[in-house]
Amino acid sequence: MNTRGEPVFDENVYKYYASNRWKFLEEINGVESAGFMIRSPVAVVSCTLAYLGFVCLIGPWMMHNRKPYELKNIIRLYNLAMVIVSAILLKRVYGAVESLGTLVDCNKTFTMADQSGTKVYQMANFILMVRISEYFDTIFFTLRKKPNQVTFLHVFHHTFVPLYAYWILRTAPLRFNVYIILINSFIHVLMYSYYFLATFQQARGESLQPTNEKPSGLMMIVNKLLMFKKYMTQLQIMQFVSLGLYTIWAASQPNMCNVPKTYIVANFLLAFGFLSLFLHFYLNVYKSAGKTTTTTLRTTAASGTRVKDRSD
């Protein structure tokens, strides 16, 4: 509802947006309780520019003559916090799926008239805050002087996703977007859980390689769990494959599930682009990993990239 108590959306939100997009954007500004991240692009764009400025210019310059910061405990708490936050997001998005019905019945769209618009935009605001908080992945790399981990894929992913998420959530925060958010949140829970466990394994200086010293019972469990790092990347690849297939399916439905072609094309390009990047990275990493068994690897999600030697 806007400040005048009128529905922000017409009966069909997609058609309404397509024919009244400027009015649509103006009315959203009246949703005062929606949250500052979703109401205006200023917050997302400003945070993204500050992120790029720090990791590309200010951070490397600041750390040039400094010793790397020891951030083990901070990073451990950060990873744990991201597990919790991602789990909360997963629960909230799943709740939205329950209220929307099945994901495949996308002809049954909901509108502000029959759903709480404030609740929808509050969830969108929360999603954007989670994406922005992931900038700390790269900030920690910079403060620890790990330039090899600040790869193109890593920075591009962290920069592009919040901006794309803002556009797609701001203009159509409906069921067509729920699928990727649901899958991505689940992968983030697994991913940051892996990072959290990795801090314990690396904190004790232990390796996944056999040693003469027998690790403790807890560390044996941690080491076994960390052996699944390869499958984390495979899950991310499967995520983009499923997004591409879901987009193709939506496009094949009558009236394209009432979704404008802009969203269909954008989601397909997103899936294809990141699938290509992750496949290229995966093949390069595991070809070299097959020859060099001492290489340790890291995967960041859809959310992130896999890079060498994450000694958090």
Foldseek 3Di string as FASTA:
>chain_A
DFPVPDFLADPQRLVRCVVPVVSSLVRLCRLVLLDDVQNDVPVVVVLLVVLCCCLPPVLCVVCVPPAADDCLVVLLVVLVVQLVLLVVLLVLLVVVCVVQDHLLLLLSKDGVVPDPPSSLSNSLNSVLVSLSSCSVVSVNCSSRVPVQQVDPQFSCLSNPVSVVSSVCCNRPSISLPSVLSNLQSVLSSVQSVLVSLLSVCLVVPHDLDDDPDDDDPVNVVSSVSNVCQLVSLVSQLVSLVVQLVSLVSLCPDVCSSSHDVVVSVVSNCVSVVVNVVSVVQSVVVVVVCVVPVRWDWGQAPCGGGIGTDPSD
